[in-house]
N, C-alpha and C. Protein backbone atom coordinates (compact mmCIF):
# COMPACT_ATOMS: atom_id res chain seq x y z
N MET A 1 -27.61 -31.09 42.09
CA MET A 1 -25.78 -31.62 42.28
C MET A 1 -26.20 -33.37 41.09
N ILE A 2 -25.51 -33.26 40.57
CA ILE A 2 -24.74 -34.55 39.56
C ILE A 2 -24.14 -34.68 40.49
N LYS A 3 -23.97 -36.30 40.94
CA LYS A 3 -23.26 -36.87 41.04
C LYS A 3 -22.21 -37.84 40.33
N SER A 4 -22.87 -38.50 39.21
CA SER A 4 -22.03 -38.76 38.12
C SER A 4 -22.46 -39.57 36.54
N ILE A 5 -22.02 -39.41 35.90
CA ILE A 5 -22.22 -39.47 34.87
C ILE A 5 -22.51 -40.40 33.51
N SER A 6 -22.82 -41.58 33.35
CA SER A 6 -22.67 -42.33 32.56
C SER A 6 -23.70 -42.69 31.21
N SER A 7 -23.80 -43.04 30.59
CA SER A 7 -23.98 -43.24 29.08
C SER A 7 -24.84 -45.08 28.84
N ASN A 8 -25.92 -44.93 27.97
CA ASN A 8 -25.42 -46.24 28.03
C ASN A 8 -25.64 -46.28 25.28
N SER A 9 -24.72 -45.17 25.49
CA SER A 9 -24.30 -45.10 23.98
C SER A 9 -23.02 -45.50 23.20
N ALA A 10 -23.34 -46.52 22.24
CA ALA A 10 -22.27 -46.91 22.15
C ALA A 10 -21.34 -45.38 21.28
N TYR A 11 -21.63 -44.31 22.07
CA TYR A 11 -21.08 -43.34 20.96
C TYR A 11 -20.48 -42.38 21.46
N LEU A 12 -21.72 -43.01 22.97
CA LEU A 12 -20.52 -41.23 23.86
C LEU A 12 -19.42 -41.82 25.43
N GLN A 13 -18.55 -40.45 25.26
CA GLN A 13 -17.66 -40.90 26.06
C GLN A 13 -17.47 -39.73 26.77
N VAL A 14 -17.79 -39.75 28.55
CA VAL A 14 -17.84 -39.21 29.77
C VAL A 14 -16.56 -39.04 29.96
N HIS A 15 -15.54 -38.37 30.50
CA HIS A 15 -14.63 -38.50 30.76
C HIS A 15 -14.40 -36.91 31.43
N GLY A 16 -12.70 -37.05 32.83
CA GLY A 16 -12.87 -36.19 33.18
C GLY A 16 -14.13 -36.16 34.78
N GLY A 17 -14.27 -35.15 34.68
CA GLY A 17 -14.62 -34.98 36.36
C GLY A 17 -14.02 -33.58 37.22
N PHE A 18 -13.80 -34.10 38.53
CA PHE A 18 -13.47 -33.26 39.83
C PHE A 18 -13.06 -34.28 40.01
N ALA A 19 -12.08 -33.73 41.45
CA ALA A 19 -10.88 -34.25 42.24
C ALA A 19 -11.99 -34.17 43.78
N ALA A 20 -11.58 -34.55 44.47
CA ALA A 20 -12.55 -33.87 46.18
C ALA A 20 -10.88 -32.87 47.04
N VAL A 21 -10.71 -32.06 46.13
CA VAL A 21 -10.10 -30.72 46.66
C VAL A 21 -9.86 -30.04 46.05
N GLY A 22 -9.37 -29.01 46.61
CA GLY A 22 -9.59 -27.56 45.48
C GLY A 22 -10.36 -26.79 47.05
N PRO A 23 -10.28 -24.64 46.52
CA PRO A 23 -11.27 -24.07 47.12
C PRO A 23 -12.48 -24.43 48.06
N TYR A 24 -13.16 -25.28 46.91
CA TYR A 24 -14.17 -25.08 47.73
C TYR A 24 -14.73 -26.62 48.32
N PHE A 25 -13.51 -27.80 47.87
CA PHE A 25 -13.54 -28.50 49.18
C PHE A 25 -13.05 -28.86 50.18
N GLN A 26 -13.54 -29.37 51.01
CA GLN A 26 -13.08 -29.56 52.97
C GLN A 26 -13.50 -31.47 52.16
N ALA A 27 -12.75 -30.98 53.70
CA ALA A 27 -12.14 -33.12 53.79
C ALA A 27 -12.89 -32.63 55.16
N THR A 28 -13.75 -34.05 55.06
CA THR A 28 -14.49 -34.55 56.76
C THR A 28 -14.05 -34.44 57.88
N THR A 29 -13.36 -34.22 58.13
CA THR A 29 -12.07 -33.93 59.37
C THR A 29 -13.26 -32.74 60.20
N ALA A 30 -12.65 -32.84 61.53
CA ALA A 30 -13.30 -31.13 61.43
C ALA A 30 -12.48 -29.95 60.90
N PRO A 31 -13.39 -28.77 60.71
CA PRO A 31 -12.71 -27.73 59.95
C PRO A 31 -11.40 -27.38 60.76
N SER A 32 -10.36 -26.19 61.15
CA SER A 32 -9.66 -25.45 61.95
C SER A 32 -10.94 -24.22 61.61
N THR A 33 -11.38 -24.14 60.82
CA THR A 33 -12.84 -22.62 60.70
C THR A 33 -14.37 -22.86 60.31
N PRO A 34 -15.19 -22.32 60.40
CA PRO A 34 -16.45 -22.67 59.64
C PRO A 34 -15.58 -22.31 58.36
N PRO A 35 -17.41 -23.65 57.68
CA PRO A 35 -16.97 -23.58 55.86
C PRO A 35 -17.22 -22.23 55.77
N SER A 36 -17.67 -21.61 54.35
CA SER A 36 -18.04 -20.95 54.03
C SER A 36 -19.74 -21.63 53.05
N ALA A 37 -21.22 -20.57 53.30
CA ALA A 37 -21.75 -21.49 52.74
C ALA A 37 -21.55 -21.79 51.13
N GLY A 38 -21.78 -23.16 50.52
CA GLY A 38 -21.60 -23.13 48.69
C GLY A 38 -20.17 -24.46 48.72
N THR A 39 -19.07 -24.54 50.34
CA THR A 39 -18.34 -25.77 50.35
C THR A 39 -19.31 -27.38 49.81
N LEU A 40 -17.55 -27.71 49.74
CA LEU A 40 -18.80 -28.93 49.54
C LEU A 40 -17.49 -30.21 49.68
N ARG A 41 -17.94 -31.08 50.52
CA ARG A 41 -17.04 -32.00 50.71
C ARG A 41 -17.94 -34.05 50.51
N TYR A 42 -17.09 -34.71 50.21
CA TYR A 42 -17.49 -35.76 49.77
C TYR A 42 -17.14 -36.81 51.58
N ASP A 43 -18.68 -37.48 51.29
CA ASP A 43 -18.77 -38.11 53.18
C ASP A 43 -18.31 -39.40 52.12
N PRO A 44 -17.11 -40.41 52.43
CA PRO A 44 -17.13 -40.75 51.68
C PRO A 44 -17.35 -42.29 53.02
N MET A 45 -18.20 -42.42 54.13
CA MET A 45 -19.23 -43.44 54.91
C MET A 45 -20.82 -43.65 53.90
N SER A 46 -20.82 -42.60 53.79
CA SER A 46 -22.34 -42.84 52.96
C SER A 46 -22.19 -42.60 51.47
N GLN A 47 -21.09 -42.11 50.84
CA GLN A 47 -20.60 -42.17 49.17
C GLN A 47 -21.71 -40.68 49.08
N ASN A 48 -21.35 -40.26 49.46
CA ASN A 48 -22.49 -39.15 48.12
C ASN A 48 -21.59 -37.23 49.15
N LEU A 49 -21.70 -36.41 48.01
CA LEU A 49 -21.56 -35.21 48.41
C LEU A 49 -22.25 -34.41 48.75
N GLN A 50 -21.34 -33.64 49.73
CA GLN A 50 -22.47 -33.35 50.86
C GLN A 50 -22.06 -31.31 50.31
N VAL A 51 -23.23 -30.41 50.85
CA VAL A 51 -22.97 -28.63 50.12
C VAL A 51 -23.81 -28.55 51.96
N PHE A 52 -22.74 -26.76 52.10
CA PHE A 52 -22.71 -26.47 52.99
C PHE A 52 -23.33 -25.48 52.66
N ASP A 53 -24.73 -24.92 53.99
CA ASP A 53 -25.41 -23.69 53.21
C ASP A 53 -25.30 -22.67 53.68
N GLY A 54 -24.63 -22.48 54.95
CA GLY A 54 -24.15 -21.59 55.78
C GLY A 54 -24.59 -22.57 57.45
N TYR A 55 -25.35 -23.06 57.34
CA TYR A 55 -25.73 -23.49 58.23
C TYR A 55 -25.17 -24.87 58.53
N ASN A 56 -26.21 -25.97 58.07
CA ASN A 56 -26.36 -27.36 58.05
C ASN A 56 -25.22 -27.97 56.70
N TRP A 57 -24.63 -28.93 56.46
CA TRP A 57 -24.19 -29.89 55.38
C TRP A 57 -25.50 -31.13 54.86
N ALA A 58 -26.10 -30.11 53.72
CA ALA A 58 -27.08 -30.51 52.75
C ALA A 58 -26.45 -32.01 51.83
N THR A 59 -26.89 -33.41 52.18
CA THR A 59 -26.43 -34.96 51.16
C THR A 59 -27.29 -34.59 50.20
N TYR A 60 -26.18 -34.87 49.03
CA TYR A 60 -27.19 -34.93 47.33
C TYR A 60 -26.81 -36.73 47.24
N SER A 61 -27.58 -37.16 47.58
CA SER A 61 -27.60 -38.49 47.33
C SER A 61 -28.11 -39.27 46.14
N ASN A 62 -27.23 -40.25 45.93
CA ASN A 62 -28.17 -40.96 44.67
C ASN A 62 -29.16 -40.03 43.05
N SER A 63 -27.96 -39.72 41.98
CA SER A 63 -28.87 -38.74 42.09
C SER A 63 -27.53 -39.20 40.77
N HIS A 64 -27.81 -39.83 39.66
CA HIS A 64 -27.57 -39.97 38.58
C HIS A 64 -28.08 -39.41 37.16
N THR A 65 -27.50 -39.41 36.16
CA THR A 65 -27.69 -38.43 35.34
C THR A 65 -26.93 -39.47 33.90
N MET A 66 -28.03 -40.07 33.04
CA MET A 66 -27.76 -40.55 31.69
C MET A 66 -28.06 -39.37 30.60
N VAL A 67 -25.97 -39.61 30.04
CA VAL A 67 -26.44 -39.08 29.10
C VAL A 67 -26.02 -39.60 27.42
N GLY A 68 -26.91 -39.03 26.72
CA GLY A 68 -26.85 -40.69 25.43
C GLY A 68 -26.93 -40.25 24.16
N LEU A 69 -28.10 -40.29 22.74
CA LEU A 69 -27.94 -40.28 21.71
C LEU A 69 -28.98 -39.97 21.54
N ASN A 70 -30.03 -39.92 20.51
CA ASN A 70 -30.91 -39.63 20.15
C ASN A 70 -30.80 -40.92 18.52
N ALA A 71 -32.17 -41.27 18.67
CA ALA A 71 -32.11 -42.53 17.92
C ALA A 71 -31.46 -42.01 15.91
N ASP A 72 -31.94 -40.90 15.98
CA ASP A 72 -31.85 -40.78 14.84
C ASP A 72 -29.90 -40.35 14.72
N ALA A 73 -29.53 -40.09 15.72
CA ALA A 73 -28.12 -38.84 15.83
C ALA A 73 -27.10 -40.77 15.77
N GLU A 74 -27.82 -41.73 16.32
CA GLU A 74 -27.40 -42.93 15.97
C GLU A 74 -27.28 -44.30 14.88
N ALA A 75 -28.46 -43.57 14.24
CA ALA A 75 -28.52 -43.41 13.42
C ALA A 75 -27.64 -43.19 11.83
N ALA A 76 -27.45 -42.17 12.13
CA ALA A 76 -26.86 -41.61 11.20
C ALA A 76 -25.10 -41.36 11.86
N ILE A 77 -24.73 -41.66 12.37
CA ILE A 77 -23.71 -42.32 13.59
C ILE A 77 -23.01 -43.77 12.18
N LYS A 78 -24.00 -44.77 12.51
CA LYS A 78 -24.27 -46.16 12.67
C LYS A 78 -24.03 -45.83 10.25
N TRP A 79 -24.56 -45.14 9.82
CA TRP A 79 -24.78 -44.60 8.74
C TRP A 79 -23.26 -44.44 7.94
N ALA A 80 -22.31 -43.50 8.73
CA ALA A 80 -21.58 -42.89 7.89
C ALA A 80 -20.08 -43.93 8.52
N ILE A 81 -20.15 -44.30 9.75
CA ILE A 81 -19.62 -46.18 9.90
C ILE A 81 -19.12 -46.52 9.23
N ALA A 82 -20.35 -47.24 7.93
CA ALA A 82 -20.57 -47.98 7.43
C ALA A 82 -20.53 -47.75 6.08
N LYS A 83 -20.68 -46.84 5.31
CA LYS A 83 -20.79 -45.56 4.47
C LYS A 83 -18.81 -45.18 4.66
N HIS A 84 -17.56 -44.87 5.10
CA HIS A 84 -16.81 -45.11 5.70
C HIS A 84 -15.81 -46.35 4.83
N LYS A 85 -16.97 -48.15 5.54
CA LYS A 85 -16.10 -48.63 5.51
C LYS A 85 -16.57 -49.39 3.80
N GLU A 86 -17.33 -49.12 3.22
CA GLU A 86 -17.42 -49.38 1.84
C GLU A 86 -16.84 -48.43 1.21
N GLU A 87 -16.23 -46.68 1.23
CA GLU A 87 -15.18 -46.17 0.89
C GLU A 87 -14.33 -46.98 0.40
N GLN A 88 -13.27 -47.49 1.94
CA GLN A 88 -12.42 -47.90 2.05
C GLN A 88 -12.21 -49.17 1.27
N GLU A 89 -13.25 -50.12 1.18
CA GLU A 89 -13.76 -51.47 0.45
C GLU A 89 -13.13 -50.91 -1.17
N LEU A 90 -13.57 -49.97 -2.13
CA LEU A 90 -14.03 -49.84 -2.63
C LEU A 90 -12.31 -48.52 -3.71
N GLU A 91 -12.09 -47.79 -2.35
CA GLU A 91 -9.96 -47.79 -2.68
C GLU A 91 -9.54 -48.88 -3.29
N GLU A 92 -9.94 -50.09 -2.21
CA GLU A 92 -8.58 -51.13 -2.35
C GLU A 92 -8.98 -52.09 -3.52
N LEU A 93 -9.62 -52.18 -4.13
CA LEU A 93 -10.63 -52.89 -5.28
C LEU A 93 -10.57 -52.24 -6.19
N MET A 94 -10.08 -50.74 -6.68
CA MET A 94 -9.52 -50.14 -7.70
C MET A 94 -8.47 -49.92 -7.87
N ALA A 95 -7.42 -49.97 -6.19
CA ALA A 95 -5.54 -49.95 -6.22
C ALA A 95 -5.31 -51.72 -7.27
N ARG A 96 -6.11 -52.57 -6.94
CA ARG A 96 -6.07 -53.74 -7.26
C ARG A 96 -6.65 -53.75 -8.76
N SER A 97 -7.48 -53.19 -9.35
CA SER A 97 -8.12 -53.33 -10.21
C SER A 97 -8.41 -52.06 -11.21
N PRO A 98 -7.46 -52.00 -12.07
CA PRO A 98 -7.44 -50.75 -13.01
C PRO A 98 -8.51 -50.79 -13.54
N ALA A 99 -8.82 -51.28 -14.14
CA ALA A 99 -10.43 -50.89 -14.97
C ALA A 99 -11.40 -50.90 -13.99
N LEU A 100 -11.62 -50.98 -12.74
CA LEU A 100 -12.43 -50.82 -11.88
C LEU A 100 -11.91 -48.86 -11.26
N ARG A 101 -11.01 -48.99 -11.55
CA ARG A 101 -11.29 -47.48 -11.63
C ARG A 101 -11.10 -46.34 -12.70
N ASP A 102 -11.13 -46.82 -13.84
CA ASP A 102 -10.35 -46.55 -14.85
C ASP A 102 -12.72 -46.27 -14.86
N ALA A 103 -13.86 -46.97 -14.55
CA ALA A 103 -14.80 -47.39 -15.30
C ALA A 103 -15.50 -46.81 -13.43
N TYR A 104 -14.80 -46.56 -12.61
CA TYR A 104 -15.52 -45.15 -11.40
C TYR A 104 -14.56 -44.11 -12.08
N GLU A 105 -13.68 -43.63 -12.36
CA GLU A 105 -13.10 -42.21 -12.96
C GLU A 105 -14.46 -41.89 -14.01
N LYS A 106 -14.99 -42.73 -14.90
CA LYS A 106 -15.80 -41.91 -16.16
C LYS A 106 -17.01 -42.06 -14.77
N PHE A 107 -17.65 -42.73 -14.50
CA PHE A 107 -18.28 -42.60 -13.72
C PHE A 107 -19.10 -41.49 -13.62
N GLN A 108 -17.73 -40.92 -12.36
CA GLN A 108 -17.68 -39.35 -11.52
C GLN A 108 -17.64 -38.01 -12.47
N ILE A 109 -17.32 -38.63 -14.01
CA ILE A 109 -17.40 -37.39 -15.42
C ILE A 109 -19.05 -37.23 -15.50
N VAL A 110 -19.37 -38.60 -15.53
CA VAL A 110 -20.56 -37.88 -16.01
C VAL A 110 -21.38 -37.81 -15.12
N LYS A 111 -21.68 -38.22 -13.41
CA LYS A 111 -22.60 -37.67 -12.82
C LYS A 111 -21.82 -36.59 -13.00
N THR A 112 -21.91 -36.08 -13.36
CA THR A 112 -20.66 -34.59 -12.78
C THR A 112 -21.15 -33.99 -14.45
N LEU A 113 -21.16 -34.02 -14.83
CA LEU A 113 -22.44 -33.41 -16.32
C LEU A 113 -23.81 -32.99 -16.72
N ALA A 114 -23.82 -35.26 -15.83
CA ALA A 114 -25.89 -35.19 -15.18
C ALA A 114 -26.41 -33.43 -14.52
N THR A 115 -25.03 -34.00 -13.52
CA THR A 115 -25.65 -32.96 -12.58
C THR A 115 -25.53 -31.57 -12.60
N ASN A 116 -24.67 -30.87 -13.48
CA ASN A 116 -24.26 -29.65 -14.15
C ASN A 116 -25.68 -29.67 -14.97
N GLU A 117 -25.77 -30.28 -16.44
CA GLU A 117 -27.00 -29.79 -16.56
C GLU A 117 -27.86 -30.34 -16.38
N ASN A 118 -28.20 -30.95 -15.29
CA ASN A 118 -29.69 -31.12 -14.65
C ASN A 118 -29.71 -29.06 -14.09
N ARG A 119 -29.39 -28.51 -13.57
CA ARG A 119 -28.65 -27.49 -12.49
C ARG A 119 -28.95 -26.04 -13.75
N GLN A 120 -29.13 -25.83 -15.04
CA GLN A 120 -29.01 -24.69 -16.19
C GLN A 120 -30.38 -25.02 -16.22
N PRO A 121 -31.25 -23.81 -16.56
CA PRO A 121 -32.64 -23.57 -16.89
C PRO A 121 -32.94 -24.61 -18.61
N ALA A 122 -33.89 -24.30 -18.20
CA ALA A 122 -34.01 -25.27 -20.15
C ALA A 122 -34.60 -23.66 -20.60
């Protein structure tokens, strides 16, 4: 049973969860009818979830899961953020400098021609 989820990654956010209400949750006060197996409840005294196994309340304590990205995923995200910033800066420079815009457009044409030339069989 997962009690909470946290992350050490700057690129992962965990939202949501569940409230201690609903058909499978029971208050810690004495119920009017016996709980069925699988019923969950939260014990505020120990700050743990408990599951009724049909006979007893089993406590699930100190169970914390870490969720994160591996180093390659983090590197790819950092690269994408840097590339996006670089492209925004280039767009701003080209907006202020028509000569740079013209040179960039010519570069793109030459790049496309070179790429297509390399794809054709010799």
